Each structure stands twice: as structure tokens, then as C-alpha cells.
Amino acid sequence: MAGVEEQVRAKLAEISPYLERSGGHAELQGVEDGIAQIVLTLTRPRTSRLVASLQLKSGIERVLREAIPDLRGVEAVNLPPHTLLGWDQPDFKAAEFPLPRQDGESAAKS
């Protein structure tokens, strides 16, 4: 799979400027069984970081699979369902939005 990993690295380097303009960054962790494992980072604030991250992952997967026929898919290892503590886990605590400010006031009231 070394050839596929090299192709994925090259394609990610090629699309990196576009990702950065869109407020994202992808780092390849490796390729296992034809699946590229990446870590996604959003570099700009978004209303829904999870939705933006999943959209970014989907776009990256589409580009990579079109360019690399031997690639079976892309996993964002830092996003559900691949995270250790996703929303389906018993210890997951949902945040209330808008997040309260440190002075106790709602961020929406400012």
C-alpha cells in the first residue's frame, strides 16, 4: 500500500491550498487496507464544527477517490464514528448553545 499512501500524500499536498482557503487542514496518518486515515482540523470558526468537518471530509474523499482508483475510502479518525468518545457513548456530554460567557451572560445577549 506504500504506492497508494504516496499518491494520497501527493494529492493532499496538491489540494492543501484549497482546503486552507476553505478553512480546513487535513493530515494523513496512514493508509490501511485501502482506507486513508486523516486528521481534519478546521482553521476558522463555524456554527457547526461537526457538520463543517464532515462536509470537508466528504469533499476530500471524493477528490481522492476520483484521483486514486485503488483507494477504497477515507476515515477522519478524529470525527465520529471513529473517535473514542462520540455522541453515542454514555460519557458524552452535550454542550448547550449558545455557550455561556464567563461572566454568566449568554453570548447571544451581547
PDB file of N, CA and C in Angstrom:
ATOM      1  N   MET A   1       0.809  -1.207   0.000  1.00  0.00           N
ATOM      2  CA  MET A   1       0.000   0.000   0.000  1.00  0.00           C
ATOM      3  C   MET A   1       0.850   1.268   0.000  1.00  0.00           C
ATOM      4  N   ALA A   2       2.176   1.113  -0.019  1.00  0.00           N
ATOM      5  CA  ALA A   2       3.041   2.292   0.006  1.00  0.00           C
ATOM      6  C   ALA A   2       2.775   3.194  -1.195  1.00  0.00           C
ATOM      7  N   GLY A   3       2.509   2.607  -2.350  1.00  0.00           N
ATOM      8  CA  GLY A   3       2.224   3.411  -3.538  1.00  0.00           C
ATOM      9  C   GLY A   3       0.965   4.239  -3.379  1.00  0.00           C
ATOM     10  N   VAL A   4      -0.068   3.649  -2.785  1.00  0.00           N
ATOM     11  CA  VAL A   4      -1.320   4.372  -2.561  1.00  0.00           C
ATOM     12  C   VAL A   4      -1.091   5.493  -1.550  1.00  0.00           C
ATOM     13  N   GLU A   5      -0.329   5.204  -0.501  1.00  0.00           N
ATOM     14  CA  GLU A   5      -0.060   6.231   0.514  1.00  0.00           C
ATOM     15  C   GLU A   5       0.690   7.412  -0.094  1.00  0.00           C
ATOM     16  N   GLU A   6       1.657   7.135  -0.938  1.00  0.00           N
ATOM     17  CA  GLU A   6       2.402   8.213  -1.607  1.00  0.00           C
ATOM     18  C   GLU A   6       1.468   9.039  -2.496  1.00  0.00           C
ATOM     19  N   GLN A   7       0.564   8.368  -3.205  1.00  0.00           N
ATOM     20  CA  GLN A   7      -0.387   9.077  -4.064  1.00  0.00           C
ATOM     21  C   GLN A   7      -1.322   9.958  -3.237  1.00  0.00           C
ATOM     22  N   VAL A   8      -1.773   9.439  -2.088  1.00  0.00           N
ATOM     23  CA  VAL A   8      -2.665  10.209  -1.221  1.00  0.00           C
ATOM     24  C   VAL A   8      -1.928  11.433  -0.682  1.00  0.00           C
ATOM     25  N   ARG A   9      -0.692  11.244  -0.222  1.00  0.00           N
ATOM     26  CA  ARG A   9       0.097  12.376   0.284  1.00  0.00           C
ATOM     27  C   ARG A   9       0.278  13.446  -0.791  1.00  0.00           C
ATOM     28  N   ALA A  10       0.580  13.012  -2.004  1.00  0.00           N
ATOM     29  CA  ALA A  10       0.782  13.962  -3.105  1.00  0.00           C
ATOM     30  C   ALA A  10      -0.507  14.718  -3.426  1.00  0.00           C
ATOM     31  N   LYS A  11      -1.628  14.016  -3.452  1.00  0.00           N
ATOM     32  CA  LYS A  11      -2.907  14.665  -3.767  1.00  0.00           C
ATOM     33  C   LYS A  11      -3.318  15.613  -2.643  1.00  0.00           C
ATOM     34  N   LEU A  12      -3.104  15.219  -1.381  1.00  0.00           N
ATOM     35  CA  LEU A  12      -3.415  16.121  -0.269  1.00  0.00           C
ATOM     36  C   LEU A  12      -2.552  17.379  -0.327  1.00  0.00           C
ATOM     37  N   ALA A  13      -1.289  17.221  -0.686  1.00  0.00           N
ATOM     38  CA  ALA A  13      -0.414  18.391  -0.827  1.00  0.00           C
ATOM     39  C   ALA A  13      -0.915  19.303  -1.955  1.00  0.00           C
ATOM     40  N   GLU A  14      -1.417  18.698  -3.015  1.00  0.00           N
ATOM     41  CA  GLU A  14      -1.933  19.463  -4.156  1.00  0.00           C
ATOM     42  C   GLU A  14      -3.190  20.257  -3.792  1.00  0.00           C
ATOM     43  N   ILE A  15      -4.081  19.654  -3.012  1.00  0.00           N
ATOM     44  CA  ILE A  15      -5.339  20.331  -2.680  1.00  0.00           C
ATOM     45  C   ILE A  15      -5.245  21.156  -1.388  1.00  0.00           C
ATOM     46  N   SER A  16      -4.117  21.093  -0.701  1.00  0.00           N
ATOM     47  CA  SER A  16      -3.946  21.808   0.558  1.00  0.00           C
ATOM     48  C   SER A  16      -4.249  23.306   0.473  1.00  0.00           C
ATOM     49  N   PRO A  17      -3.797  24.023  -0.567  1.00  0.00           N
ATOM     50  CA  PRO A  17      -4.132  25.450  -0.645  1.00  0.00           C
ATOM     51  C   PRO A  17      -5.640  25.702  -0.722  1.00  0.00           C
ATOM     52  N   TYR A  18      -6.370  24.821  -1.386  1.00  0.00           N
ATOM     53  CA  TYR A  18      -7.827  24.962  -1.491  1.00  0.00           C
ATOM     54  C   TYR A  18      -8.489  24.691  -0.144  1.00  0.00           C
ATOM     55  N   LEU A  19      -7.973  23.679   0.563  1.00  0.00           N
ATOM     56  CA  LEU A  19      -8.501  23.377   1.891  1.00  0.00           C
ATOM     57  C   LEU A  19      -8.278  24.556   2.830  1.00  0.00           C
ATOM     58  N   GLU A  20      -7.078  25.126   2.784  1.00  0.00           N
ATOM     59  CA  GLU A  20      -6.755  26.252   3.656  1.00  0.00           C
ATOM     60  C   GLU A  20      -7.649  27.461   3.368  1.00  0.00           C
ATOM     61  N   ARG A  21      -7.922  27.715   2.088  1.00  0.00           N
ATOM     62  CA  ARG A  21      -8.834  28.812   1.737  1.00  0.00           C
ATOM     63  C   ARG A  21     -10.241  28.557   2.237  1.00  0.00           C
ATOM     64  N   SER A  22     -10.610  27.285   2.353  1.00  0.00           N
ATOM     65  CA  SER A  22     -11.938  26.913   2.850  1.00  0.00           C
ATOM     66  C   SER A  22     -11.975  26.823   4.369  1.00  0.00           C
ATOM     67  N   GLY A  23     -10.839  27.032   5.010  1.00  0.00           N
ATOM     68  CA  GLY A  23     -10.799  26.976   6.460  1.00  0.00           C
ATOM     69  C   GLY A  23     -10.547  25.598   7.025  1.00  0.00           C
ATOM     70  N   GLY A  24      -9.843  24.759   6.273  1.00  0.00           N
ATOM     71  CA  GLY A  24      -9.593  23.411   6.743  1.00  0.00           C
ATOM     72  C   GLY A  24      -8.162  22.963   6.513  1.00  0.00           C
ATOM     73  N   HIS A  25      -7.813  21.878   7.179  1.00  0.00           N
ATOM     74  CA  HIS A  25      -6.493  21.268   7.033  1.00  0.00           C
ATOM     75  C   HIS A  25      -6.659  19.767   7.230  1.00  0.00           C
ATOM     76  N   ALA A  26      -5.976  18.973   6.410  1.00  0.00           N
ATOM     77  CA  ALA A  26      -6.028  17.515   6.525  1.00  0.00           C
ATOM     78  C   ALA A  26      -4.615  16.970   6.624  1.00  0.00           C
ATOM     79  N   GLU A  27      -4.413  16.083   7.579  1.00  0.00           N
ATOM     80  CA  GLU A  27      -3.114  15.462   7.765  1.00  0.00           C
ATOM     81  C   GLU A  27      -3.279  13.948   7.659  1.00  0.00           C
ATOM     82  N   LEU A  28      -2.518  13.335   6.778  1.00  0.00           N
ATOM     83  CA  LEU A  28      -2.592  11.891   6.585  1.00  0.00           C
ATOM     84  C   LEU A  28      -1.854  11.169   7.700  1.00  0.00           C
ATOM     85  N   GLN A  29      -2.538  10.229   8.348  1.00  0.00           N
ATOM     86  CA  GLN A  29      -1.927   9.395   9.375  1.00  0.00           C
ATOM     87  C   GLN A  29      -1.369   8.111   8.770  1.00  0.00           C
ATOM     88  N   GLY A  30      -1.992   7.655   7.689  1.00  0.00           N
ATOM     89  CA  GLY A  30      -1.538   6.442   7.036  1.00  0.00           C
ATOM     90  C   GLY A  30      -2.646   5.868   6.175  1.00  0.00           C
ATOM     91  N   VAL A  31      -2.339   4.793   5.480  1.00  0.00           N
ATOM     92  CA  VAL A  31      -3.318   4.087   4.659  1.00  0.00           C
ATOM     93  C   VAL A  31      -3.302   2.637   5.101  1.00  0.00           C
ATOM     94  N   GLU A  32      -4.481   2.138   5.476  1.00  0.00           N
ATOM     95  CA  GLU A  32      -4.590   0.760   5.931  1.00  0.00           C
ATOM     96  C   GLU A  32      -5.723   0.079   5.178  1.00  0.00           C
ATOM     97  N   ASP A  33      -5.410  -1.014   4.520  1.00  0.00           N
ATOM     98  CA  ASP A  33      -6.399  -1.786   3.776  1.00  0.00           C
ATOM     99  C   ASP A  33      -7.149  -0.918   2.753  1.00  0.00           C
ATOM    100  N   GLY A  34      -6.427  -0.004   2.120  1.00  0.00           N
ATOM    101  CA  GLY A  34      -7.021   0.839   1.082  1.00  0.00           C
ATOM    102  C   GLY A  34      -7.832   2.008   1.615  1.00  0.00           C
ATOM    103  N   ILE A  35      -7.793   2.246   2.922  1.00  0.00           N
ATOM    104  CA  ILE A  35      -8.525   3.341   3.549  1.00  0.00           C
ATOM    105  C   ILE A  35      -7.523   4.369   4.060  1.00  0.00           C
ATOM    106  N   ALA A  36      -7.636   5.606   3.572  1.00  0.00           N
ATOM    107  CA  ALA A  36      -6.769   6.680   4.055  1.00  0.00           C
ATOM    108  C   ALA A  36      -7.307   7.179   5.386  1.00  0.00           C
ATOM    109  N   GLN A  37      -6.428   7.249   6.369  1.00  0.00           N
ATOM    110  CA  GLN A  37      -6.807   7.732   7.695  1.00  0.00           C
ATOM    111  C   GLN A  37      -6.232   9.129   7.870  1.00  0.00           C
ATOM    112  N   ILE A  38      -7.135  10.109   8.025  1.00  0.00           N
ATOM    113  CA  ILE A  38      -6.711  11.501   8.111  1.00  0.00           C
ATOM    114  C   ILE A  38      -7.212  12.137   9.404  1.00  0.00           C
ATOM    115  N   VAL A  39      -6.539  13.203   9.792  1.00  0.00           N
ATOM    116  CA  VAL A  39      -6.984  14.047  10.900  1.00  0.00           C
ATOM    117  C   VAL A  39      -7.391  15.371  10.286  1.00  0.00           C
ATOM    118  N   LEU A  40      -8.637  15.768  10.519  1.00  0.00           N
ATOM    119  CA  LEU A  40      -9.155  17.031   9.991  1.00  0.00           C
ATOM    120  C   LEU A  40      -9.121  18.105  11.049  1.00  0.00           C
ATOM    121  N   THR A  41      -8.763  19.304  10.625  1.00  0.00           N
ATOM    122  CA  THR A  41      -8.763  20.448  11.509  1.00  0.00           C
ATOM    123  C   THR A  41      -9.449  21.602  10.795  1.00  0.00           C
ATOM    124  N   LEU A  42     -10.341  22.277  11.510  1.00  0.00           N
ATOM    125  CA  LEU A  42     -10.946  23.490  10.976  1.00  0.00           C
ATOM    126  C   LEU A  42     -10.142  24.669  11.496  1.00  0.00           C
ATOM    127  N   THR A  43      -9.780  25.574  10.591  1.00  0.00           N
ATOM    128  CA  THR A  43      -8.943  26.699  10.972  1.00  0.00           C
ATOM    129  C   THR A  43      -9.740  27.989  11.151  1.00  0.00           C
ATOM    130  N   ARG A  44     -11.028  27.948  10.875  1.00  0.00           N
ATOM    131  CA  ARG A  44     -11.897  29.112  11.062  1.00  0.00           C
ATOM    132  C   ARG A  44     -13.110  28.698  11.877  1.00  0.00           C
ATOM    133  N   PRO A  45     -13.642  29.630  12.665  1.00  0.00           N
ATOM    134  CA  PRO A  45     -14.844  29.288  13.438  1.00  0.00           C
ATOM    135  C   PRO A  45     -16.034  29.017  12.528  1.00  0.00           C
ATOM    136  N   ARG A  46     -16.843  28.087  12.912  1.00  0.00           N
ATOM    137  CA  ARG A  46     -18.056  27.720  12.169  1.00  0.00           C
ATOM    138  C   ARG A  46     -19.202  27.585  13.156  1.00  0.00           C
ATOM    139  N   THR A  47     -20.421  27.692  12.639  1.00  0.00           N
ATOM    140  CA  THR A  47     -21.576  27.484  13.506  1.00  0.00           C
ATOM    141  C   THR A  47     -21.636  26.045  13.967  1.00  0.00           C
ATOM    142  N   SER A  48     -21.455  25.120  13.069  1.00  0.00           N
ATOM    143  CA  SER A  48     -21.472  23.711  13.424  1.00  0.00           C
ATOM    144  C   SER A  48     -20.168  23.081  12.953  1.00  0.00           C
ATOM    145  N   ARG A  49     -19.237  22.955  13.874  1.00  0.00           N
ATOM    146  CA  ARG A  49     -17.928  22.402  13.526  1.00  0.00           C
ATOM    147  C   ARG A  49     -18.033  20.963  13.037  1.00  0.00           C
ATOM    148  N   LEU A  50     -18.934  20.178  13.624  1.00  0.00           N
ATOM    149  CA  LEU A  50     -19.079  18.785  13.215  1.00  0.00           C
ATOM    150  C   LEU A  50     -19.581  18.705  11.783  1.00  0.00           C
ATOM    151  N   VAL A  51     -20.611  19.468  11.459  1.00  0.00           N
ATOM    152  CA  VAL A  51     -21.157  19.438  10.098  1.00  0.00           C
ATOM    153  C   VAL A  51     -20.116  19.923   9.098  1.00  0.00           C
ATOM    154  N   ALA A  52     -19.431  21.017   9.412  1.00  0.00           N
ATOM    155  CA  ALA A  52     -18.397  21.523   8.512  1.00  0.00           C
ATOM    156  C   ALA A  52     -17.282  20.506   8.331  1.00  0.00           C
ATOM    157  N   SER A  53     -16.898  19.833   9.420  1.00  0.00           N
ATOM    158  CA  SER A  53     -15.845  18.820   9.339  1.00  0.00           C
ATOM    159  C   SER A  53     -16.271  17.635   8.477  1.00  0.00           C
ATOM    160  N   LEU A  54     -17.498  17.183   8.659  1.00  0.00           N
ATOM    161  CA  LEU A  54     -17.994  16.058   7.857  1.00  0.00           C
ATOM    162  C   LEU A  54     -18.115  16.431   6.382  1.00  0.00           C
ATOM    163  N   GLN A  55     -18.517  17.668   6.092  1.00  0.00           N
ATOM    164  CA  GLN A  55     -18.577  18.125   4.703  1.00  0.00           C
ATOM    165  C   GLN A  55     -17.184  18.182   4.103  1.00  0.00           C
ATOM    166  N   LEU A  56     -16.224  18.683   4.867  1.00  0.00           N
ATOM    167  CA  LEU A  56     -14.843  18.751   4.406  1.00  0.00           C
ATOM    168  C   LEU A  56     -14.304  17.350   4.137  1.00  0.00           C
ATOM    169  N   LYS A  57     -14.561  16.424   5.048  1.00  0.00           N
ATOM    170  CA  LYS A  57     -14.111  15.038   4.876  1.00  0.00           C
ATOM    171  C   LYS A  57     -14.712  14.426   3.623  1.00  0.00           C
ATOM    172  N   SER A  58     -15.989  14.676   3.406  1.00  0.00           N
ATOM    173  CA  SER A  58     -16.675  14.133   2.234  1.00  0.00           C
ATOM    174  C   SER A  58     -16.062  14.661   0.938  1.00  0.00           C
ATOM    175  N   GLY A  59     -15.757  15.942   0.905  1.00  0.00           N
ATOM    176  CA  GLY A  59     -15.139  16.531  -0.287  1.00  0.00           C
ATOM    177  C   GLY A  59     -13.751  15.979  -0.541  1.00  0.00           C
ATOM    178  N   ILE A  60     -12.979  15.825   0.525  1.00  0.00           N
ATOM    179  CA  ILE A  60     -11.632  15.258   0.391  1.00  0.00           C
ATOM    180  C   ILE A  60     -11.719  13.829  -0.123  1.00  0.00           C
ATOM    181  N   GLU A  61     -12.648  13.056   0.417  1.00  0.00           N
ATOM    182  CA  GLU A  61     -12.810  11.666  -0.015  1.00  0.00           C
ATOM    183  C   GLU A  61     -13.173  11.591  -1.492  1.00  0.00           C
ATOM    184  N   ARG A  62     -14.076  12.450  -1.932  1.00  0.00           N
ATOM    185  CA  ARG A  62     -14.484  12.445  -3.341  1.00  0.00           C
ATOM    186  C   ARG A  62     -13.289  12.735  -4.252  1.00  0.00           C
ATOM    187  N   VAL A  63     -12.508  13.752  -3.908  1.00  0.00           N
ATOM    188  CA  VAL A  63     -11.346  14.126  -4.722  1.00  0.00           C
ATOM    189  C   VAL A  63     -10.319  12.998  -4.745  1.00  0.00           C
ATOM    190  N   LEU A  64     -10.036  12.429  -3.582  1.00  0.00           N
ATOM    191  CA  LEU A  64      -9.022  11.372  -3.512  1.00  0.00           C
ATOM    192  C   LEU A  64      -9.456  10.113  -4.251  1.00  0.00           C
ATOM    193  N   ARG A  65     -10.711   9.726  -4.107  1.00  0.00           N
ATOM    194  CA  ARG A  65     -11.173   8.500  -4.767  1.00  0.00           C
ATOM    195  C   ARG A  65     -11.232   8.658  -6.285  1.00  0.00           C
ATOM    196  N   GLU A  66     -11.535   9.869  -6.755  1.00  0.00           N
ATOM    197  CA  GLU A  66     -11.524  10.099  -8.206  1.00  0.00           C
ATOM    198  C   GLU A  66     -10.106  10.027  -8.760  1.00  0.00           C
ATOM    199  N   ALA A  67      -9.134  10.513  -7.985  1.00  0.00           N
ATOM    200  CA  ALA A  67      -7.749  10.567  -8.447  1.00  0.00           C
ATOM    201  C   ALA A  67      -6.991   9.253  -8.239  1.00  0.00           C
ATOM    202  N   ILE A  68      -7.403   8.452  -7.255  1.00  0.00           N
ATOM    203  CA  ILE A  68      -6.661   7.243  -6.882  1.00  0.00           C
ATOM    204  C   ILE A  68      -7.626   6.057  -6.886  1.00  0.00           C
ATOM    205  N   PRO A  69      -7.706   5.330  -7.989  1.00  0.00           N
ATOM    206  CA  PRO A  69      -8.671   4.232  -8.116  1.00  0.00           C
ATOM    207  C   PRO A  69      -8.492   3.124  -7.073  1.00  0.00           C
ATOM    208  N   ASP A  70      -7.277   2.902  -6.578  1.00  0.00           N
ATOM    209  CA  ASP A  70      -7.035   1.837  -5.595  1.00  0.00           C
ATOM    210  C   ASP A  70      -7.478   2.223  -4.185  1.00  0.00           C
ATOM    211  N   LEU A  71      -7.820   3.486  -3.966  1.00  0.00           N
ATOM    212  CA  LEU A  71      -8.252   3.933  -2.645  1.00  0.00           C
ATOM    213  C   LEU A  71      -9.710   3.552  -2.433  1.00  0.00           C
ATOM    214  N   ARG A  72     -10.004   2.888  -1.328  1.00  0.00           N
ATOM    215  CA  ARG A  72     -11.372   2.440  -1.038  1.00  0.00           C
ATOM    216  C   ARG A  72     -12.195   3.475  -0.291  1.00  0.00           C
ATOM    217  N   GLY A  73     -11.536   4.368   0.438  1.00  0.00           N
ATOM    218  CA  GLY A  73     -12.274   5.354   1.209  1.00  0.00           C
ATOM    219  C   GLY A  73     -11.356   6.194   2.066  1.00  0.00           C
ATOM    220  N   VAL A  74     -11.980   7.087   2.842  1.00  0.00           N
ATOM    221  CA  VAL A  74     -11.255   7.983   3.740  1.00  0.00           C
ATOM    222  C   VAL A  74     -11.952   7.964   5.094  1.00  0.00           C
ATOM    223  N   GLU A  75     -11.181   7.811   6.153  1.00  0.00           N
ATOM    224  CA  GLU A  75     -11.700   7.901   7.519  1.00  0.00           C
ATOM    225  C   GLU A  75     -11.077   9.126   8.178  1.00  0.00           C
ATOM    226  N   ALA A  76     -11.901   9.952   8.752  1.00  0.00           N
ATOM    227  CA  ALA A  76     -11.396  11.053   9.570  1.00  0.00           C
ATOM    228  C   ALA A  76     -11.340  10.521  10.998  1.00  0.00           C
ATOM    229  N   VAL A  77     -10.158  10.151  11.447  1.00  0.00           N
ATOM    230  CA  VAL A  77     -10.015   9.439  12.715  1.00  0.00           C
ATOM    231  C   VAL A  77     -10.344  10.294  13.933  1.00  0.00           C
ATOM    232  N   ASN A  78     -10.464  11.593  13.757  1.00  0.00           N
ATOM    233  CA  ASN A  78     -10.817  12.457  14.880  1.00  0.00           C
ATOM    234  C   ASN A  78     -12.286  12.878  14.855  1.00  0.00           C
ATOM    235  N   LEU A  79     -13.088  12.257  13.987  1.00  0.00           N
ATOM    236  CA  LEU A  79     -14.516  12.556  13.906  1.00  0.00           C
ATOM    237  C   LEU A  79     -15.328  11.291  14.158  1.00  0.00           C
ATOM    238  N   PRO A  80     -16.564  11.439  14.638  1.00  0.00           N
ATOM    239  CA  PRO A  80     -17.424  10.260  14.796  1.00  0.00           C
ATOM    240  C   PRO A  80     -17.619   9.574  13.454  1.00  0.00           C
ATOM    241  N   PRO A  81     -17.730   8.287  13.366  1.00  0.00           N
ATOM    242  CA  PRO A  81     -17.790   7.317  14.470  1.00  0.00           C
ATOM    243  C   PRO A  81     -16.430   6.796  14.880  1.00  0.00           C
ATOM    244  N   HIS A  82     -15.340   7.424  14.433  1.00  0.00           N
ATOM    245  CA  HIS A  82     -14.011   6.895  14.690  1.00  0.00           C
ATOM    246  C   HIS A  82     -13.381   7.444  15.964  1.00  0.00           C
ATOM    247  N   THR A  83     -14.001   8.433  16.605  1.00  0.00           N
ATOM    248  CA  THR A  83     -13.449   8.970  17.838  1.00  0.00           C
ATOM    249  C   THR A  83     -13.715   8.001  18.981  1.00  0.00           C
ATOM    250  N   LEU A  84     -12.923   8.098  20.004  1.00  0.00           N
ATOM    251  CA  LEU A  84     -13.116   7.221  21.155  1.00  0.00           C
ATOM    252  C   LEU A  84     -14.356   7.593  21.944  1.00  0.00           C
ATOM    253  N   LEU A  85     -14.702   8.877  21.972  1.00  0.00           N
ATOM    254  CA  LEU A  85     -15.855   9.322  22.731  1.00  0.00           C
ATOM    255  C   LEU A  85     -16.762  10.149  21.829  1.00  0.00           C
ATOM    256  N   GLY A  86     -17.608   9.482  21.089  1.00  0.00           N
ATOM    257  CA  GLY A  86     -18.552  10.149  20.199  1.00  0.00           C
ATOM    258  C   GLY A  86     -19.872  10.378  20.890  1.00  0.00           C
ATOM    259  N   TRP A  87     -20.820  10.956  20.185  1.00  0.00           N
ATOM    260  CA  TRP A  87     -22.114  11.293  20.783  1.00  0.00           C
ATOM    261  C   TRP A  87     -22.925  10.061  21.175  1.00  0.00           C
ATOM    262  N   ASP A  88     -22.541   8.880  20.675  1.00  0.00           N
ATOM    263  CA  ASP A  88     -23.269   7.658  21.013  1.00  0.00           C
ATOM    264  C   ASP A  88     -22.685   6.950  22.240  1.00  0.00           C
ATOM    265  N   GLN A  89     -21.677   7.551  22.878  1.00  0.00           N
ATOM    266  CA  GLN A  89     -21.051   6.941  24.047  1.00  0.00           C
ATOM    267  C   GLN A  89     -21.706   7.458  25.326  1.00  0.00           C
ATOM    268  N   PRO A  90     -21.811   6.621  26.380  1.00  0.00           N
ATOM    269  CA  PRO A  90     -22.521   7.017  27.595  1.00  0.00           C
ATOM    270  C   PRO A  90     -21.906   8.206  28.325  1.00  0.00           C
ATOM    271  N   ASP A  91     -20.586   8.422  28.224  1.00  0.00           N
ATOM    272  CA  ASP A  91     -19.953   9.526  28.937  1.00  0.00           C
ATOM    273  C   ASP A  91     -19.935  10.835  28.165  1.00  0.00           C
ATOM    274  N   PHE A  92     -20.504  10.842  26.975  1.00  0.00           N
ATOM    275  CA  PHE A  92     -20.527  12.060  26.158  1.00  0.00           C
ATOM    276  C   PHE A  92     -21.474  13.080  26.790  1.00  0.00           C
ATOM    277  N   LYS A  93     -21.000  14.306  26.930  1.00  0.00           N
ATOM    278  CA  LYS A  93     -21.824  15.382  27.484  1.00  0.00           C
ATOM    279  C   LYS A  93     -22.023  16.443  26.407  1.00  0.00           C
ATOM    280  N   ALA A  94     -23.255  16.642  26.039  1.00  0.00           N
ATOM    281  CA  ALA A  94     -23.563  17.641  25.015  1.00  0.00           C
ATOM    282  C   ALA A  94     -23.414  19.040  25.598  1.00  0.00           C
ATOM    283  N   ALA A  95     -22.970  19.973  24.777  1.00  0.00           N
ATOM    284  CA  ALA A  95     -22.850  21.364  25.205  1.00  0.00           C
ATOM    285  C   ALA A  95     -24.143  22.093  24.884  1.00  0.00           C
ATOM    286  N   GLU A  96     -24.488  23.046  25.721  1.00  0.00           N
ATOM    287  CA  GLU A  96     -25.659  23.864  25.443  1.00  0.00           C
ATOM    288  C   GLU A  96     -25.218  25.073  24.625  1.00  0.00           C
ATOM    289  N   PHE A  97     -26.003  25.438  23.645  1.00  0.00           N
ATOM    290  CA  PHE A  97     -25.671  26.580  22.802  1.00  0.00           C
ATOM    291  C   PHE A  97     -26.750  27.618  22.926  1.00  0.00           C
ATOM    292  N   PRO A  98     -26.442  28.891  22.899  1.00  0.00           N
ATOM    293  CA  PRO A  98     -25.074  29.406  22.847  1.00  0.00           C
ATOM    294  C   PRO A  98     -24.355  29.161  24.164  1.00  0.00           C
ATOM    295  N   LEU A  99     -23.042  29.011  24.081  1.00  0.00           N
ATOM    296  CA  LEU A  99     -22.251  28.765  25.278  1.00  0.00           C
ATOM    297  C   LEU A  99     -22.291  30.006  26.165  1.00  0.00           C
ATOM    298  N   PRO A 100     -22.467  29.835  27.475  1.00  0.00           N
ATOM    299  CA  PRO A 100     -22.483  30.997  28.365  1.00  0.00           C
ATOM    300  C   PRO A 100     -21.097  31.628  28.450  1.00  0.00           C
ATOM    301  N   ARG A 101     -21.087  32.943  28.613  1.00  0.00           N
ATOM    302  CA  ARG A 101     -19.818  33.641  28.800  1.00  0.00           C
ATOM    303  C   ARG A 101     -19.323  33.380  30.208  1.00  0.00           C
ATOM    304  N   GLN A 102     -18.091  33.743  30.437  1.00  0.00           N
ATOM    305  CA  GLN A 102     -17.515  33.527  31.768  1.00  0.00           C
ATOM    306  C   GLN A 102     -18.224  34.368  32.827  1.00  0.00           C
ATOM    307  N   ASP A 103     -18.757  35.531  32.426  1.00  0.00           N
ATOM    308  CA  ASP A 103     -19.454  36.384  33.408  1.00  0.00           C
ATOM    309  C   ASP A 103     -20.882  35.920  33.656  1.00  0.00           C
ATOM    310  N   GLY A 104     -21.270  34.774  33.032  1.00  0.00           N
ATOM    311  CA  GLY A 104     -22.596  34.199  33.270  1.00  0.00           C
ATOM    312  C   GLY A 104     -23.653  34.614  32.273  1.00  0.00           C
ATOM    313  N   GLU A 105     -23.384  35.630  31.457  1.00  0.00           N
ATOM    314  CA  GLU A 105     -24.370  36.066  30.476  1.00  0.00           C
ATOM    315  C   GLU A 105     -24.291  35.220  29.231  1.00  0.00           C
ATOM    316  N   SER A 106     -25.397  35.111  28.540  1.00  0.00           N
ATOM    317  CA  SER A 106     -25.441  34.367  27.288  1.00  0.00           C
ATOM    318  C   SER A 106     -24.705  35.166  26.211  1.00  0.00           C
ATOM    319  N   ALA A 107     -23.969  34.463  25.348  1.00  0.00           N
ATOM    320  CA  ALA A 107     -23.244  35.130  24.267  1.00  0.00           C
ATOM    321  C   ALA A 107     -24.197  35.789  23.287  1.00  0.00           C
ATOM    322  N   ALA A 108     -25.421  35.322  23.221  1.00  0.00           N
ATOM    323  CA  ALA A 108     -26.394  35.872  22.270  1.00  0.00           C
ATOM    324  C   ALA A 108     -26.914  37.229  22.715  1.00  0.00           C
ATOM    325  N   LYS A 109     -26.775  37.594  23.996  1.00  0.00           N
ATOM    326  CA  LYS A 109     -27.313  38.850  24.506  1.00  0.00           C
ATOM    327  C   LYS A 109     -26.425  40.034  24.223  1.00  0.00           C
ATOM    328  N   SER A 110     -25.217  39.842  23.753  1.00  0.00           N
ATOM    329  CA  SER A 110     -24.299  40.963  23.541  1.00  0.00           C
ATOM    330  C   SER A 110     -24.540  41.664  22.277  1.00  0.00           C
TER     331      SER A 110
END
